[in-house]
Amino acid sequence: MNYNQLVYFSVLASVEHYLKASEILGISQPSLSHAISNLEKELGIYLFEKQGRNIRLTRYGKVYLKYVNSALNELEKGNKQMNKFSDINTGTIRIGCVASASPSVSVIISKYIQTHSGVNFVFEQTTTQKLLEGLLNEDYDMVFCHKLDFYDTVEFIPIVERDIVLKVYNGHPLEPYNSVSLSQISKCPLITYKVSAGARMYIDKMFKSENITPYIVCQVNEDMAAASLVQQKVGAALVVNHSIFNIYDFKTINIDNSCIKVPLNLAVLKNSFLAGAAQNFKSFFISHKKLL
């Protein structure tokens, strides 16, 4: 049996007249009769019986009709749900983001909602590794994170690159400098990201290029924690430079001769379908990345 046969049966059962049913369905009467006959043969039971010039459901047809209408109603609900998924103006977009990118991503989400008020967002922050694990588990539609090469099923779309800088409190020994060497930095207590954070890979690479071991006293998951520790004068923060630190009275010091930048990527699963709203937001974000 197929979907059309079930629809034909339901309509015919409601009017109990082949001509009327064929007109409602927009098919010929012989086509309708043939479809019902095939359905009865497949079920091995008569669903209709003649009553004068009309027909009526057999008692078996009445039982079957309850199941068919229930199935068709569920399918209709499913169709409506699928239509919602394909609609770019409704639905939920699930986004994960590293903390350092949160202020920038929030700007574009805000701009998007202005013209797509029917769309809502689930927005979570964590480390790159956890974001990518969540993406693989389909907990997110897309994530904004740093690139990790061993995730071959993930497509990384470059969005923006940021410098690695040193943030110091007032009175820190390096505060008088606008730029310092890695050798100078390595002698000071440092606060930086945990190894599981994507940006840490770039920081380690920077020190390794000069064969220097940094003096790390504290590792954090996100920048606000690093800022709090700098404020308490635990050490200087070696972090990705972005606007989240602007609320603090810290000195920003550049790193001498550093050509290493930390790229922010929009990551999605390769060969994976995105619902209409999520696909539309992805395109919107890429076209507005100049705002970052």
Foldseek 3Di string as FASTA:
>chain_A
DDPVLLVLLLQCQVVQAQVVSCVVVVHDSVVSVVSQVVVCVVVVHDQWDDDPNGIHGDPVVVVVNVVSVVVVVVVVVVVVVLVQLQDQQADEAEEEEAQQCVVVVVVLVVVVCVPRVRYYYHYYYWAPLVRVVCQVVVVGQKYKAFDDPVPVQKDWAWQDWFAWWKWADPPPPCQVAQEDEVVVQQVWEEEEADPRHRVVVLVVVQCVVVVGDHRYDYHDTHDVVRLVCRVVVVTMYGYTDDDVCVVDPIRIHHYPPDPGITTITIMHGPPDDHGNNNVVSVVSCRVPSVSD
